[in-house]
């Protein structure tokens, strides 16, 4: 089970975008990276292309680059504070994440 999942709200705790909050768009566990909406914006210059019979003009594309997973921290939905994530088992045996500060379930 992952500590940060797609759809979670996280805050950047290190780097150029320190203090910014955003929602997780994609988690890449093998690369240990995460893509956060509106954070770590980069620009890529695209050449003009000819696809089929139509011409696509040159453009500058802005995209969200991935951040290292260690540079973000989960924001608890109940107490709205950045927190570490713990795990516990419910009575029915389901494993859930919980906030280490307020002890509320995250899932």
Protein backbone atom coordinates (compact mmCIF):
# COMPACT_ATOMS: atom_id res chain seq x y z
CA UNK A 1 0.00 0.00 0.00
CA UNK A 2 1.35 3.42 -0.95
CA UNK A 3 1.53 6.37 1.38
CA UNK A 4 0.51 8.87 -1.32
CA UNK A 5 -2.10 8.01 -3.93
CA UNK A 6 -3.62 9.68 -6.98
CA UNK A 7 -6.18 12.29 -5.89
CA UNK A 8 -4.52 13.11 -2.55
CA UNK A 9 -3.73 16.72 -1.67
CA UNK A 10 -0.04 17.25 -0.95
CA UNK A 11 2.25 20.14 -0.01
CA UNK A 12 5.77 20.61 -1.35
CA UNK A 13 8.23 20.59 1.59
CA UNK A 14 11.51 21.05 -0.31
CA UNK A 15 12.76 22.59 -3.52
CA UNK A 16 11.83 25.47 -5.77
CA UNK A 17 8.07 25.18 -5.20
CA UNK A 18 8.31 25.05 -1.39
CA UNK A 19 4.93 25.60 0.31
CA UNK A 20 2.73 25.06 -2.74
CA UNK A 21 -0.23 22.70 -2.46
CA UNK A 22 -1.82 20.65 -5.18
CA UNK A 23 -3.60 17.45 -6.06
CA UNK A 24 -1.67 14.34 -7.14
CA UNK A 25 -2.24 13.56 -10.82
CA UNK A 26 0.07 10.56 -11.16
CA UNK A 27 2.24 8.42 -8.89
CA UNK A 28 5.28 6.61 -10.33
CA UNK A 29 6.36 4.18 -7.59
CA UNK A 30 9.20 2.55 -9.56
CA UNK A 31 10.84 5.94 -10.20
CA UNK A 32 9.88 7.17 -6.70
CA UNK A 33 8.26 10.26 -8.23
CA UNK A 34 4.90 12.02 -8.19
CA UNK A 35 3.20 14.53 -10.54
CA UNK A 36 1.29 17.30 -8.74
CA UNK A 37 -1.21 19.56 -10.52
CA UNK A 38 0.03 23.16 -10.84
CA UNK A 39 3.42 22.47 -9.25
CA UNK A 40 6.85 22.18 -10.94
CA UNK A 41 5.61 23.65 -14.24
CA UNK A 42 8.01 23.31 -17.17
CA UNK A 43 7.91 24.53 -20.77
CA UNK A 44 8.82 22.54 -23.85
CA UNK A 45 9.28 24.06 -27.29
CA UNK A 46 7.68 21.99 -30.07
CA UNK A 47 8.66 22.26 -33.72
CA UNK A 48 6.11 22.75 -36.46
CA UNK A 49 4.89 19.42 -37.85
CA UNK A 50 3.03 18.18 -40.85
CA UNK A 51 0.66 15.36 -39.96
CA UNK A 52 -1.22 13.89 -42.87
CA UNK A 53 -2.46 16.82 -44.92
CA UNK A 54 -2.51 19.43 -42.19
CA UNK A 55 0.13 21.67 -40.67
CA UNK A 56 0.59 21.95 -36.88
CA UNK A 57 2.31 25.24 -35.97
CA UNK A 58 5.28 25.56 -33.63
CA UNK A 59 4.23 26.08 -30.02
CA UNK A 60 5.39 26.22 -26.43
CA UNK A 61 3.75 23.50 -24.33
CA UNK A 62 3.54 23.87 -20.53
CA UNK A 63 3.38 20.68 -18.45
CA UNK A 64 3.71 19.43 -14.86
CA UNK A 65 7.08 17.73 -14.38
CA UNK A 66 7.40 14.96 -11.77
CA UNK A 67 8.74 15.69 -8.28
CA UNK A 68 10.65 13.33 -6.04
CA UNK A 69 8.31 11.62 -3.59
CA UNK A 70 10.44 12.71 -0.62
CA UNK A 71 9.80 16.39 -1.46
CA UNK A 72 6.04 16.21 -0.85
CA UNK A 73 3.98 15.57 2.27
CA UNK A 74 0.35 14.53 2.53
CA UNK A 75 -2.22 17.10 3.75
CA UNK A 76 -4.77 15.46 6.05
CA UNK A 77 -8.35 15.98 4.77
CA UNK A 78 -9.77 16.27 8.31
CA UNK A 79 -7.23 18.49 10.13
CA UNK A 80 -5.73 20.24 7.02
CA UNK A 81 -2.16 19.84 8.30
CA UNK A 82 0.80 18.18 6.63
CA UNK A 83 1.26 14.81 8.24
CA UNK A 84 3.01 11.49 8.14
CA UNK A 85 0.95 8.48 7.16
CA UNK A 86 0.39 5.42 9.33
CA UNK A 87 -1.42 2.15 8.69
CA UNK A 88 -3.87 0.20 10.79
CA UNK A 89 -6.35 -2.60 10.30
CA UNK A 90 -10.11 -2.17 10.76
CA UNK A 91 -12.34 -4.75 12.44
CA UNK A 92 -13.17 -6.35 9.08
CA UNK A 93 -9.44 -6.77 8.31
CA UNK A 94 -9.15 -3.91 5.80
CA UNK A 95 -5.88 -1.96 5.86
CA UNK A 96 -6.38 1.83 5.95
CA UNK A 97 -4.12 4.87 6.05
CA UNK A 98 -4.45 7.29 8.97
CA UNK A 99 -3.16 10.73 9.95
CA UNK A 100 -0.42 10.57 12.60
CA UNK A 101 -1.47 13.98 14.01
CA UNK A 102 -5.25 13.65 14.46
CA UNK A 103 -5.57 9.83 14.16
CA UNK A 104 -8.35 10.19 11.52
CA UNK A 105 -8.67 7.69 8.67
CA UNK A 106 -7.56 9.04 5.30
CA UNK A 107 -9.15 6.41 3.03
